[in-house]
N, C-alpha and C. Protein backbone atom coordinates (compact mmCIF):
# COMPACT_ATOMS: atom_id res chain seq x y z
N MET A 1 48.22 10.58 -98.61
CA MET A 1 47.76 11.51 -99.44
C MET A 1 48.50 11.11 -101.01
N ASN A 2 47.62 10.90 -101.83
CA ASN A 2 48.41 10.73 -103.50
C ASN A 2 48.69 12.18 -103.37
N PRO A 3 50.37 12.07 -103.45
CA PRO A 3 51.16 13.16 -104.51
C PRO A 3 50.84 13.54 -106.27
N ARG A 4 50.13 12.59 -106.81
CA ARG A 4 49.68 12.79 -107.78
C ARG A 4 48.22 13.29 -107.75
N GLY A 5 47.49 13.46 -107.01
CA GLY A 5 46.51 14.06 -107.01
C GLY A 5 45.36 13.51 -106.27
N PRO A 6 44.21 13.63 -106.30
CA PRO A 6 43.06 13.03 -105.85
C PRO A 6 42.85 11.71 -106.31
N THR A 7 42.75 10.79 -105.34
CA THR A 7 42.46 9.26 -105.85
C THR A 7 41.35 9.28 -106.88
N GLN A 8 41.07 8.44 -108.05
CA GLN A 8 39.88 8.02 -108.39
C GLN A 8 38.77 7.74 -107.31
N ASN A 9 38.78 7.44 -106.18
CA ASN A 9 37.73 7.12 -105.46
C ASN A 9 37.07 8.73 -105.04
N GLY A 10 38.31 9.37 -104.55
CA GLY A 10 38.31 10.74 -104.10
C GLY A 10 37.41 11.85 -105.10
N GLN A 11 37.64 11.37 -106.40
CA GLN A 11 37.62 12.09 -107.48
C GLN A 11 35.51 11.61 -108.00
N ILE A 12 35.20 10.61 -107.51
CA ILE A 12 34.05 10.27 -108.00
C ILE A 12 33.21 10.70 -106.46
N GLN A 13 33.73 10.92 -105.27
CA GLN A 13 33.44 11.77 -104.08
C GLN A 13 32.97 12.67 -104.68
N ILE A 14 34.00 13.54 -104.82
CA ILE A 14 33.87 15.09 -105.29
C ILE A 14 32.57 14.87 -106.35
N TYR A 15 32.81 14.23 -107.32
CA TYR A 15 31.33 14.33 -108.60
C TYR A 15 30.34 13.88 -107.72
N GLY A 16 30.00 12.81 -106.75
CA GLY A 16 28.78 13.16 -105.92
C GLY A 16 28.26 13.94 -105.15
N GLN A 17 29.30 14.66 -104.15
CA GLN A 17 29.07 16.01 -103.73
C GLN A 17 28.45 17.26 -105.09
N ASN A 18 28.92 17.08 -105.48
CA ASN A 18 29.07 18.30 -106.67
C ASN A 18 27.25 17.53 -107.25
N ARG A 19 27.11 16.34 -107.58
CA ARG A 19 25.66 16.45 -108.39
C ARG A 19 24.63 17.10 -107.00
N ILE A 20 25.02 16.25 -105.76
CA ILE A 20 23.85 16.78 -104.46
C ILE A 20 23.92 18.45 -104.72
N THR A 21 24.81 19.07 -104.42
CA THR A 21 24.95 20.46 -104.14
C THR A 21 24.56 21.39 -105.38
N GLY A 22 24.22 20.33 -106.52
CA GLY A 22 24.12 21.65 -107.88
C GLY A 22 22.45 20.94 -108.44
N ALA A 23 21.67 20.23 -107.78
CA ALA A 23 20.71 19.34 -107.93
C ALA A 23 19.56 20.36 -107.46
N SER A 24 18.47 20.52 -108.33
CA SER A 24 17.31 21.28 -108.31
C SER A 24 16.48 20.36 -107.09
N PRO A 25 15.65 20.69 -106.40
CA PRO A 25 14.65 20.11 -105.73
C PRO A 25 14.41 18.91 -105.65
N VAL A 26 13.78 18.92 -107.49
CA VAL A 26 13.09 17.54 -107.95
C VAL A 26 14.23 16.58 -108.31
N GLY A 27 15.64 17.38 -108.74
CA GLY A 27 16.52 16.50 -108.97
C GLY A 27 16.73 15.78 -107.69
N LEU A 28 16.89 16.37 -106.72
CA LEU A 28 17.61 15.63 -105.24
C LEU A 28 16.70 14.62 -104.79
N ILE A 29 15.22 14.58 -105.30
CA ILE A 29 14.16 13.35 -104.96
C ILE A 29 14.44 12.41 -105.98
N ARG A 30 14.44 12.62 -107.64
CA ARG A 30 15.47 11.53 -107.79
C ARG A 30 16.81 11.06 -107.73
N ILE A 31 17.67 11.59 -107.13
CA ILE A 31 19.10 11.27 -106.52
C ILE A 31 18.50 10.10 -105.74
N LEU A 32 17.41 10.65 -104.83
CA LEU A 32 17.35 9.51 -103.32
C LEU A 32 16.37 8.45 -103.88
N TYR A 33 15.69 8.64 -104.92
CA TYR A 33 14.92 7.19 -105.47
C TYR A 33 16.33 5.79 -106.03
N GLN A 34 17.58 6.62 -106.96
CA GLN A 34 18.33 6.13 -107.50
C GLN A 34 19.07 5.37 -106.53
N GLU A 35 19.35 5.99 -105.19
CA GLU A 35 20.01 5.25 -104.30
C GLU A 35 19.13 4.47 -103.76
N ALA A 36 17.83 4.72 -103.31
CA ALA A 36 16.88 3.77 -102.58
C ALA A 36 17.12 2.35 -103.30
N ILE A 37 17.15 2.54 -105.07
CA ILE A 37 16.69 1.20 -105.84
C ILE A 37 18.21 1.00 -105.47
N ARG A 38 19.66 1.38 -105.88
CA ARG A 38 20.77 0.41 -105.38
C ARG A 38 20.69 0.05 -103.95
N SER A 39 20.13 0.44 -103.17
CA SER A 39 20.12 -0.14 -101.82
C SER A 39 19.38 -1.55 -101.98
N VAL A 40 17.92 -1.25 -102.77
CA VAL A 40 17.17 -2.60 -102.28
C VAL A 40 17.71 -3.51 -103.87
N ASP A 41 18.86 -3.08 -104.45
CA ASP A 41 19.57 -4.16 -105.35
C ASP A 41 20.04 -4.70 -104.61
N ALA A 42 20.99 -4.22 -103.62
CA ALA A 42 22.36 -4.68 -102.67
C ALA A 42 21.15 -5.53 -101.90
N ALA A 43 20.43 -5.33 -101.10
CA ALA A 43 19.61 -6.19 -100.60
C ALA A 43 19.19 -7.36 -101.24
N SER A 44 18.42 -7.34 -102.30
CA SER A 44 18.07 -8.64 -103.09
C SER A 44 19.59 -9.67 -103.72
N THR A 45 20.57 -8.47 -104.05
CA THR A 45 22.21 -9.53 -104.21
C THR A 45 22.31 -10.25 -102.70
N ALA A 46 22.68 -9.12 -101.76
CA ALA A 46 22.48 -10.33 -100.37
C ALA A 46 21.80 -11.37 -100.17
N LEU A 47 20.65 -10.90 -100.45
CA LEU A 47 19.66 -12.37 -100.17
C LEU A 47 19.90 -13.60 -101.27
N ASP A 48 20.43 -13.17 -102.13
CA ASP A 48 20.32 -14.47 -103.12
C ASP A 48 22.00 -15.11 -102.45
N ASN A 49 23.05 -14.32 -102.15
CA ASN A 49 24.23 -14.51 -101.98
C ASN A 49 24.27 -15.32 -99.97
N GLY A 50 23.16 -15.03 -99.65
CA GLY A 50 23.10 -15.58 -98.46
C GLY A 50 24.13 -14.78 -97.16
N ASP A 51 24.06 -13.68 -97.18
CA ASP A 51 24.64 -12.66 -96.42
C ASP A 51 23.45 -11.71 -95.51
N PRO A 52 23.09 -11.83 -94.67
CA PRO A 52 22.09 -11.22 -93.75
C PRO A 52 22.21 -10.23 -93.38
N ALA A 53 23.94 -10.10 -93.09
CA ALA A 53 24.49 -8.29 -92.26
C ALA A 53 24.00 -7.32 -94.09
N ALA A 54 24.85 -8.14 -94.59
CA ALA A 54 24.93 -7.06 -95.86
C ALA A 54 23.35 -6.80 -96.27
N ARG A 55 22.38 -7.58 -96.32
CA ARG A 55 21.06 -7.13 -96.37
C ARG A 55 20.40 -6.52 -95.39
N ALA A 56 20.57 -6.58 -94.20
CA ALA A 56 20.43 -5.79 -93.42
C ALA A 56 20.86 -4.59 -93.40
N LYS A 57 21.97 -4.03 -93.56
CA LYS A 57 22.55 -3.05 -93.81
C LYS A 57 22.22 -2.40 -94.94
N SER A 58 21.86 -3.03 -95.98
CA SER A 58 20.41 -2.57 -97.41
C SER A 58 20.18 -1.67 -97.51
N VAL A 59 18.60 -3.00 -96.38
CA VAL A 59 17.32 -2.54 -95.91
C VAL A 59 17.45 -1.13 -95.36
N THR A 60 18.00 -1.48 -94.38
CA THR A 60 18.29 -0.11 -93.51
C THR A 60 18.61 1.14 -94.15
N LYS A 61 19.56 1.04 -94.86
CA LYS A 61 19.70 2.26 -96.03
C LYS A 61 18.69 2.64 -96.60
N ALA A 62 17.78 2.15 -97.38
CA ALA A 62 16.63 2.12 -98.63
C ALA A 62 15.55 2.66 -97.14
N ILE A 63 15.23 2.23 -96.32
CA ILE A 63 14.64 2.65 -95.39
C ILE A 63 14.51 4.11 -94.83
N ALA A 64 15.71 4.60 -94.61
CA ALA A 64 16.55 5.74 -94.22
C ALA A 64 16.16 6.54 -95.31
N ILE A 65 16.42 6.41 -96.46
CA ILE A 65 16.14 7.09 -97.86
C ILE A 65 14.39 7.28 -97.85
N LEU A 66 14.11 6.64 -97.64
CA LEU A 66 12.39 6.67 -97.25
C LEU A 66 11.75 7.66 -96.87
N THR A 67 12.45 7.49 -95.24
CA THR A 67 12.09 8.42 -94.38
C THR A 67 12.87 9.82 -94.53
N GLU A 68 13.81 9.83 -95.29
CA GLU A 68 14.25 11.14 -95.62
C GLU A 68 13.13 11.85 -96.45
N LEU A 69 12.65 10.98 -97.73
CA LEU A 69 11.63 11.94 -98.43
C LEU A 69 10.45 11.77 -97.79
N MET A 70 9.73 11.04 -96.59
CA MET A 70 8.90 11.35 -95.90
C MET A 70 8.82 12.78 -95.52
N LEU A 71 9.73 12.91 -94.85
CA LEU A 71 10.24 14.37 -93.98
C LEU A 71 10.16 15.16 -94.86
N ASP A 72 10.41 15.09 -96.02
CA ASP A 72 10.68 16.01 -96.73
C ASP A 72 9.58 16.67 -97.46
N LEU A 73 8.09 15.83 -97.21
CA LEU A 73 7.04 16.14 -97.64
C LEU A 73 6.30 17.90 -97.37
N ASN A 74 6.07 18.54 -98.42
CA ASN A 74 5.27 19.67 -97.59
C ASN A 74 3.28 19.69 -98.04
N ARG A 75 3.43 19.43 -96.79
CA ARG A 75 1.90 19.37 -96.49
C ARG A 75 1.36 20.47 -96.71
N ASP A 76 1.58 21.67 -96.96
CA ASP A 76 1.26 22.96 -96.82
C ASP A 76 0.86 23.33 -98.45
N ALA A 77 2.17 23.22 -99.30
CA ALA A 77 1.57 23.12 -100.47
C ALA A 77 0.89 22.02 -101.10
N ALA A 78 0.72 20.97 -100.61
CA ALA A 78 -0.20 19.82 -101.55
C ALA A 78 -0.61 18.91 -100.45
N PRO A 79 -1.15 18.92 -99.87
CA PRO A 79 -1.38 17.93 -98.61
C PRO A 79 -1.83 16.78 -99.27
N GLU A 80 -3.26 16.87 -100.25
CA GLU A 80 -3.08 15.11 -100.47
C GLU A 80 -2.38 14.43 -101.21
N ILE A 81 -1.45 15.19 -101.98
CA ILE A 81 -0.39 14.56 -102.23
C ILE A 81 0.69 13.85 -101.47
N ALA A 82 1.09 14.89 -100.37
CA ALA A 82 2.05 14.29 -99.74
C ALA A 82 1.53 13.41 -98.43
N ASP A 83 0.22 13.00 -98.37
CA ASP A 83 -0.51 12.11 -97.60
C ASP A 83 -0.18 10.78 -98.15
N ARG A 84 -0.78 11.25 -99.86
CA ARG A 84 -0.88 9.67 -100.34
C ARG A 84 0.78 9.39 -100.60
N LEU A 85 1.76 10.33 -100.72
CA LEU A 85 3.25 9.77 -100.77
C LEU A 85 3.29 9.39 -99.41
N LYS A 86 3.24 9.88 -98.44
CA LYS A 86 3.57 8.88 -97.18
C LYS A 86 3.00 7.35 -97.45
N GLN A 87 1.64 7.53 -97.45
CA GLN A 87 1.32 6.27 -97.21
C GLN A 87 2.14 5.38 -98.23
N PHE A 88 2.54 5.65 -99.13
CA PHE A 88 3.29 4.93 -100.38
C PHE A 88 4.63 4.58 -99.90
N TYR A 89 5.50 5.69 -99.26
CA TYR A 89 6.56 5.48 -98.56
C TYR A 89 6.23 5.09 -97.57
N ASP A 90 5.52 4.78 -96.82
CA ASP A 90 5.22 3.47 -95.41
C ASP A 90 5.33 2.22 -96.29
N TYR A 91 4.32 1.66 -96.95
CA TYR A 91 4.35 0.88 -97.84
C TYR A 91 5.43 -0.03 -98.02
N LEU A 92 6.46 0.74 -98.61
CA LEU A 92 7.79 0.39 -99.59
C LEU A 92 8.46 0.34 -98.12
N GLN A 93 8.27 0.84 -96.49
CA GLN A 93 9.19 0.77 -95.71
C GLN A 93 8.71 -0.81 -95.42
N TRP A 94 7.37 -1.26 -95.24
CA TRP A 94 6.55 -2.03 -94.77
C TRP A 94 7.26 -3.54 -95.52
N ARG A 95 6.88 -3.50 -96.71
CA ARG A 95 7.52 -4.51 -97.76
C ARG A 95 8.83 -4.61 -97.54
N LEU A 96 9.56 -3.84 -97.34
CA LEU A 96 11.08 -3.98 -97.19
C LEU A 96 11.88 -4.80 -95.96
N LEU A 97 11.00 -4.14 -95.00
CA LEU A 97 11.00 -4.79 -93.77
C LEU A 97 10.43 -6.61 -93.62
N MET A 98 9.48 -6.68 -94.54
CA MET A 98 8.62 -7.94 -94.54
C MET A 98 9.90 -9.00 -95.32
N GLY A 99 10.25 -8.12 -96.77
CA GLY A 99 11.34 -8.95 -97.55
C GLY A 99 12.72 -9.35 -96.97
N HIS A 100 12.94 -8.49 -95.93
CA HIS A 100 14.14 -8.97 -95.06
C HIS A 100 13.86 -10.12 -94.54
N ALA A 101 12.65 -9.79 -93.38
CA ALA A 101 12.38 -10.74 -92.39
C ALA A 101 12.09 -12.02 -93.25
N GLN A 102 11.21 -11.96 -93.66
CA GLN A 102 10.86 -13.65 -94.50
C GLN A 102 11.66 -13.73 -95.90
N ARG A 103 12.75 -13.47 -96.02
CA ARG A 103 13.97 -13.52 -96.74
C ARG A 103 12.64 -13.48 -98.03
N ASP A 104 12.35 -12.57 -98.53
CA ASP A 104 11.24 -12.69 -99.43
C ASP A 104 11.87 -11.56 -100.82
N ALA A 105 12.71 -12.67 -101.52
CA ALA A 105 12.89 -11.79 -102.49
C ALA A 105 11.86 -11.16 -103.90
N GLN A 106 10.73 -11.51 -104.00
CA GLN A 106 9.59 -10.93 -104.44
C GLN A 106 9.00 -9.83 -103.83
N ALA A 107 9.42 -9.00 -102.68
CA ALA A 107 9.14 -8.25 -101.71
C ALA A 107 10.35 -7.01 -102.08
N PHE A 108 11.32 -7.47 -102.56
CA PHE A 108 12.41 -6.00 -103.28
C PHE A 108 12.16 -6.25 -104.46
N THR A 109 11.49 -7.14 -105.20
CA THR A 109 11.70 -6.86 -106.71
C THR A 109 10.26 -5.64 -106.61
N GLU A 110 8.74 -6.04 -105.93
CA GLU A 110 8.06 -5.14 -105.85
C GLU A 110 8.44 -3.56 -105.88
N VAL A 111 9.26 -3.39 -104.79
CA VAL A 111 9.62 -2.59 -104.32
C VAL A 111 10.65 -1.60 -105.03
N ARG A 112 11.67 -2.36 -105.90
CA ARG A 112 12.11 -1.94 -106.52
C ARG A 112 11.46 -1.15 -107.93
N THR A 113 10.26 -2.11 -108.28
CA THR A 113 9.56 -2.00 -109.74
C THR A 113 8.30 -0.48 -108.97
N LEU A 114 8.24 -0.47 -107.95
CA LEU A 114 7.47 0.86 -107.62
C LEU A 114 8.36 2.01 -107.35
N LEU A 115 9.38 2.01 -106.91
CA LEU A 115 10.69 3.08 -107.51
C LEU A 115 10.93 3.39 -108.42
N GLU A 116 11.09 2.74 -108.71
CA GLU A 116 11.65 2.64 -110.35
C GLU A 116 10.53 3.30 -111.31
N SER A 117 9.06 3.40 -110.97
CA SER A 117 8.10 3.47 -111.59
C SER A 117 7.50 4.84 -111.11
N MET A 118 7.74 5.35 -110.00
CA MET A 118 7.18 6.25 -109.25
C MET A 118 8.57 7.37 -109.59
N GLY A 119 10.08 6.71 -109.87
CA GLY A 119 11.05 7.67 -109.85
C GLY A 119 11.29 8.00 -111.71
N GLN A 120 10.09 7.61 -112.73
CA GLN A 120 10.19 7.68 -113.54
C GLN A 120 9.32 9.31 -113.75
N ALA A 121 8.12 9.11 -113.05
CA ALA A 121 7.50 10.26 -113.03
C ALA A 121 7.87 11.25 -112.38
N TRP A 122 9.09 11.10 -111.36
CA TRP A 122 9.40 12.66 -111.05
C TRP A 122 10.34 12.86 -112.51
N GLU A 123 11.12 11.96 -112.79
CA GLU A 123 11.85 12.41 -113.97
C GLU A 123 11.26 13.45 -114.81
N THR A 124 9.59 12.86 -114.73
CA THR A 124 8.77 13.90 -116.10
C THR A 124 8.29 14.85 -115.52
N VAL A 125 8.42 15.31 -114.26
CA VAL A 125 8.01 16.32 -113.73
C VAL A 125 9.53 17.03 -113.82
N GLN A 126 10.40 16.65 -113.54
CA GLN A 126 11.94 17.42 -113.99
C GLN A 126 11.94 17.88 -114.80
N THR A 127 11.55 16.85 -116.10
CA THR A 127 11.73 17.60 -117.68
C THR A 127 10.46 18.55 -118.02
N GLY A 128 9.50 18.26 -117.04
CA GLY A 128 8.31 19.51 -117.77
C GLY A 128 8.74 20.90 -117.09
N LEU A 129 9.64 20.98 -116.00
CA LEU A 129 9.72 22.46 -115.26
C LEU A 129 11.13 22.45 -115.89
N ALA A 130 11.78 22.16 -116.77
CA ALA A 130 12.91 22.60 -116.74
C ALA A 130 12.47 24.03 -117.99
N PRO A 131 11.56 23.08 -119.17
CA PRO A 131 11.04 24.31 -119.93
C PRO A 131 10.57 26.03 -119.08
N ARG A 132 10.11 25.76 -118.02
CA ARG A 132 9.51 26.50 -117.40
C ARG A 132 10.43 27.37 -116.49
N ARG A 133 11.68 26.81 -116.24
CA ARG A 133 12.33 27.58 -115.98
C ARG A 133 12.94 28.36 -116.43
N GLU A 134 13.49 27.86 -117.85
CA GLU A 134 13.58 28.96 -119.18
C GLU A 134 12.91 29.80 -118.94
N GLU A 135 11.61 29.80 -119.61
CA GLU A 135 10.77 30.69 -119.85
C GLU A 135 10.87 32.11 -118.36
N ALA A 136 10.71 31.59 -117.20
CA ALA A 136 10.25 32.14 -116.15
C ALA A 136 11.99 33.22 -116.17
N SER A 137 13.51 32.20 -116.46
CA SER A 137 14.92 33.38 -116.30
C SER A 137 14.42 34.20 -117.64
N ALA A 138 13.91 34.06 -118.71
CA ALA A 138 13.74 35.09 -119.65
C ALA A 138 12.48 36.18 -119.47
N THR A 139 12.05 36.06 -118.68
CA THR A 139 10.37 36.80 -118.28
C THR A 139 11.41 37.42 -117.13
N GLU A 140 11.82 37.20 -116.54
CA GLU A 140 12.93 37.73 -115.15
C GLU A 140 13.90 38.71 -115.86
N ARG A 141 14.45 38.42 -116.79
CA ARG A 141 15.48 39.20 -117.62
C ARG A 141 14.64 40.45 -118.11
N ALA A 142 13.37 40.11 -119.24
CA ALA A 142 12.97 41.10 -119.68
C ALA A 142 12.44 41.76 -118.80
N ALA A 143 11.93 41.48 -117.18
CA ALA A 143 11.01 42.62 -116.36
C ALA A 143 12.31 43.45 -115.80
N THR A 144 12.99 42.84 -115.69
CA THR A 144 14.61 43.90 -114.36
C THR A 144 14.82 44.81 -115.16
N GLU A 145 14.64 44.53 -116.86
CA GLU A 145 15.36 45.67 -117.67
C GLU A 145 14.69 46.97 -117.86
N THR A 146 13.34 47.09 -117.29
CA THR A 146 12.70 48.32 -117.01
C THR A 146 12.56 48.36 -115.65
N ASP A 147 12.82 49.80 -114.98
CA ASP A 147 12.13 50.21 -113.81
C ASP A 147 10.72 50.26 -113.99
N ALA A 148 10.12 50.15 -114.93
CA ALA A 148 8.28 50.30 -114.86
C ALA A 148 7.85 49.20 -114.32
N ASN A 149 8.43 48.16 -114.30
CA ASN A 149 7.78 46.65 -113.97
C ASN A 149 7.95 46.26 -112.27
N PRO A 150 6.86 46.73 -111.61
CA PRO A 150 6.83 46.23 -109.99
C PRO A 150 7.80 45.29 -109.74
N TYR A 151 7.12 43.91 -110.35
CA TYR A 151 7.80 42.64 -110.01
C TYR A 151 9.16 42.80 -109.87
N ALA A 152 9.57 43.57 -110.90
CA ALA A 152 11.62 43.50 -110.87
C ALA A 152 11.90 43.95 -109.72
N ARG A 153 11.25 44.53 -109.17
CA ARG A 153 11.86 45.12 -107.44
C ARG A 153 11.01 44.07 -106.48
N ALA A 154 10.46 43.39 -107.13
CA ALA A 154 9.81 42.12 -105.79
C ALA A 154 10.60 41.27 -105.45
N GLY A 155 11.50 40.62 -106.57
CA GLY A 155 11.71 39.53 -106.42
C GLY A 155 11.37 38.40 -107.15
N ALA A 156 11.27 38.74 -108.40
CA ALA A 156 10.49 37.49 -109.27
C ALA A 156 11.09 36.28 -109.42
N ALA A 157 12.55 35.96 -108.80
CA ALA A 157 12.80 35.05 -108.75
C ALA A 157 12.21 34.05 -107.62
N ASP A 158 11.68 34.29 -106.40
CA ASP A 158 11.10 33.69 -105.74
C ASP A 158 9.83 33.14 -106.45
N ARG A 159 9.29 33.54 -107.02
CA ARG A 159 8.00 33.04 -107.31
C ARG A 159 8.15 31.87 -108.75
N SER A 160 9.13 32.17 -108.92
CA SER A 160 9.83 30.70 -110.11
C SER A 160 9.97 29.64 -109.08
N LYS A 161 10.02 29.34 -108.14
CA LYS A 161 10.31 28.41 -107.30
C LYS A 161 9.83 27.46 -106.91
N VAL A 162 9.81 26.00 -107.00
CA VAL A 162 8.73 25.18 -107.16
C VAL A 162 9.37 24.20 -105.96
N TYR A 163 8.12 23.74 -104.77
CA TYR A 163 8.21 23.34 -103.65
C TYR A 163 7.34 22.03 -103.76
N ILE A 164 8.27 20.82 -103.14
CA ILE A 164 7.28 19.88 -103.21
C ILE A 164 7.16 19.38 -101.70
């Protein structure tokens, strides 16, 4: 252990943990997309460098992230969207496997492009939700200021949550 305090690597790890624990549901999705893109980039670099073990590790990580995104889909909230996202994630996984097996840099580029595009869409969703949350917080504060409002006692905070 470093007597001067946490190492730089330890500080980065703490930052990463705080980033995840403090993220909203959409923020977590965006983090997963960013990590998937990093993994695809690493797979592409490993392909360029002729390192099949590193490529396999990176492809496996990207596939695991896509699997996590699939498992987190909420069919009850939006069945059509969940089904389409599952198909999208399935396709990305297939392209990653084909890119790895066939040493196809174009497959990795395609997956990266699709992840970036969808990641930007999630960013737009998150940006659009931020003003709503602020409005909901102001409404909740106003509602709790009076006992005459039946919603103040019924847990207004639960109605402002968004589930994806």
